Each structure stands twice: as structure tokens, then as C-alpha cells.
């Protein structure tokens, strides 16, 4: 293939960084990925190293892209970066990270969350960045004093590419109630109440704005030519929606990512291309959150690490993947995994109601159950959690599209289709990196119409339809799942208090031992 211009898209995920090179018609010139994951140094903590896991991983992916194609880096017309949000990526005055990046799924700042809500009148969830920043301020003051700028993951990469400190509207809006969406500016009064310096937050910019170009320093590290325009970019959900063609009202996306999502397009995505993209309750934005499952693909990864030794060995011998082997085994089991039900809340629950204290659980074990039963029950738990909020939005949904890594599983798509009792489309070429590349092309005027990705960039969908025999079975299991979750909630709260008390006791004992 010959082309005069290429779009470079980078998507920073929880488990992998992915990159893509496409031309203006959506033809794929190269794809590359680098897997790495977060660390959990303490229960409830989720961290990454900004230099190694974010910027360093992006540099490697960029180099892998051009190593796999004859296309020249000089053909790149624009770069877009998206990433997991919201994260607390603090940097100092020189642009160096101040400790580890704290992820959206980190639950260390529950006490600080309660204080923020009382002091500000805000209503936040545990994923918000502001309580985590206060956690650092109150518990690691020397570290806090070194922080000069607060980024999320993709903002940090844009900074490393261009040297420009900025944050996109969408990410600013979900840091924790400190951004005025109407004025597109920081809410200084709220920051004053929380005793947080306004200077920590960089200038907010539209997602589609050109914030700078590849610097000489970044060019040396990435082998890209200096001067390529870079857009502000966005959190990963909006580009992922673009990248699977969910761009018109009534289109819904089920993302089978590390974190699972169900979103609904309320207005054409092009109307909020600059951001913020998501509904704040005013009804002005294009996208509504329907479901947020913190542990979706994360649970599958956990299962493979804990129970997948046999399948890993077999996959290596066969030149196959561990997930294809597990899917083949799990597909032989009936709906409901023969009476085994999993709660997927390894990192707390976001929907249908936020609860950072709830955890994962399983019921129904018998001697006949095997690890494969657990695997299938994990896949089903994702769909049960989606269904808890899907019903309330179903009348507004005309089309459902599956995307992200887990959507490659035919079995998992069938399970979600059956539990939601709705047809699902899947486009193998869809991805968040494709979506951010498209948005970058749109930002510089190389692409004029969001419909292009739906009508020409994505082709030949795989369609999954509900199985009439499975749907009524899952209806009955879903009722049990909901009762199971409801009845255990008080016990999880008691367990959280117990763990907190024991943690305090252990710290006291440790000091005495020293």
C-alpha cells in the first residue's frame, strides 16, 4: 500500500499499551502492543510506574510499529494518545514522576473520600483523583511538596512527546468535582475548601486541540521526526466508542476490557468531540454511563495466573492461546456453570451503586466443580453486573457493539448476549487505538465525518444472537446473583472495618518490634 499520510494512535490500557498506524481510509499499516500490568503493593492499592509502565512502554510500542512496516515515520501526519482514567500521575517541576501513579481502581483513600464529600458537598466515587491527592498530602507530605503538576496517564505521554503541560476537558471533568464543565475552567472555590493549590492542575484543553509537536528530545527516544502535531487526547472510553463505530444515538458499547463498560450514545459523538464527552446529569453530553465493572478482563487475567498452569503449558505446546483452550472447555458446561455464581467485585463496585467495600465472592461449590467452572462463572459474572443497569436503558438502545480484548472470545460474547437477551455486533478491527487515531485525523481536518468509521473503516461484523434455551436459565440465575450480592453487602462492610482495625494493630505491633 502507498499513502501520503498516516495517523498514529496510542492507547494506554491497564494491562497493555497498544499502537496503530492507519491511513485516511482506515487501512491498517501496523499494529503493536506491549503487555504489562499494575502492582498491588498493599490490599486495595493499584499502582504503575510512570517512567517504565507508561512513557517507556509507549516508546517501545512506537518503535515496534515501525519495525513491522515499511512505512516511514515521516508519513505520520498527527498523533493521538488515549489512556486509562482517572489516574493520579504526579510530576515535579522538572517533569519527573513523583512516586508511582495511582490508578482509578485504587481504594486506599476511602477515609479521604468521606472527608472530601463533607468538606466540599461533592458526591464522588472511589475512583476520583482528589481523595488520593489528599491521601498523599496528609500521609506523605514530603512527597506532596514535590508535586507541581497532576496528570493522568495519557496527559503524561503528551507532555513527554511535546514538553507541554495540559489536560483535556474530559479528564479534568472526572478528577473529582474540581472542574467547571460550563466554564471549561478549574473550580477554584472548591479547591480552596479542600486546601489544594490551583497551580497543581495544568491548563485544560479540548481533546481535539493541537497542544504541541514532537520535541527534539522525544524524537531521539522514539525515532519519530520532530515537529509532528500531537493532540491533547482523551481518556480511553470515548476513543474506544469511536473505534468500534458507536457514534450515533441509540448505539451502545460493551467493552470487554480490563475494566468492563456499558455506554450509550445519546447524541452524535461528533457533537462532543472536544469534550467533556460524558453526561454530568445536565443531558448536554453525548455519552451516558450505564455500567462500570472494575474487574472484567482483570478477573480473567487473575484466573489465568492462579489456575491456568495446565492450559498455559498446553497452549505453548500447541502454539495456541490459553484463553482459546479455556473457552473450549468452558463451552461444554451449561449456562450457570452448574450452580456456581461469582461476584466480580475484586476491586469494589461502581454500578449499579458505588461500594468500595464490597469484594469478590463465590457460592455454590460442590465436589464436582472444577477450575473451569470458576472460569465460566467469572465470564457470567461480568454479564450479570452489566444487566443490573442495562434494563433501565434498554428502551433507548437500538444497537449493541462489543469491543476490547475480551470481545475476541466467541463464548464470552455469547454469554453476554444471552444474559442481556440482545443481539451483539463485533468488529475484529475495532480498538481504542484506532479510535484515537481517527480522532487525531479529525482534529487536524484530515477526516471530516464521524460516519466514516462506521460506514467504511469497520467492515464485516460478527453477529451473536441470543440462544432461546439459555435466556430463561440465565434469568433465574440472575435473580439469585442479585440476592446474593444484596445479602452479603453488610458482611463486606463489617469485613472492611475488621481489616482496617487489624491493619492498625499490625502497624502498632510492628513499631513495638522495631
Foldseek 3Di string as FASTA:
>chain_A
DDDQAWFWFWEAEQFKIKIFIAHLLQDTFFIFMDGDHWDDPDQLFTWDALVCRFQVRVLVRLQVRCVRGVDDLVRYQEYAYAYADDKWFFAAPVLHTLDIITALLRQPQPVLQVVLCVLQVFDAFSSAQVSVLVVCCVPVVVSNVRGQATDGRRQSNVCQFFVDREAELQRVPRNGPQADNVVRGGNVVSCVSVVHDPRHYHRYWFQLDFRGWGDPVNCVSRVRDTDRTYGNHYYLPLLLCLLQLLFAFQEWEFEQAQKTFIKGFHHGQVVANRDPAEDPPPPPHGMYTQAIGNGGVVVVVVLCVPPVPVLVVVCVVVVHDSVVVLLVVLVPAAPCLQPKAKARQCSFGVPPHGDRLDHMDMDDDDPVHDSSSVVNNSLLNVLLRSLVRCVVCVVRHDAYEYDDDVVVRPSSQQSNCLQNQHKYKYFPSGDSSSSRSNSNCVSVPVDPDSCSCVPRNTDDIDMHGHDVVRNVVSVVVSVVNVVVRVVCVVVSVVVVVVVVVVVVVVVVVVVVVD
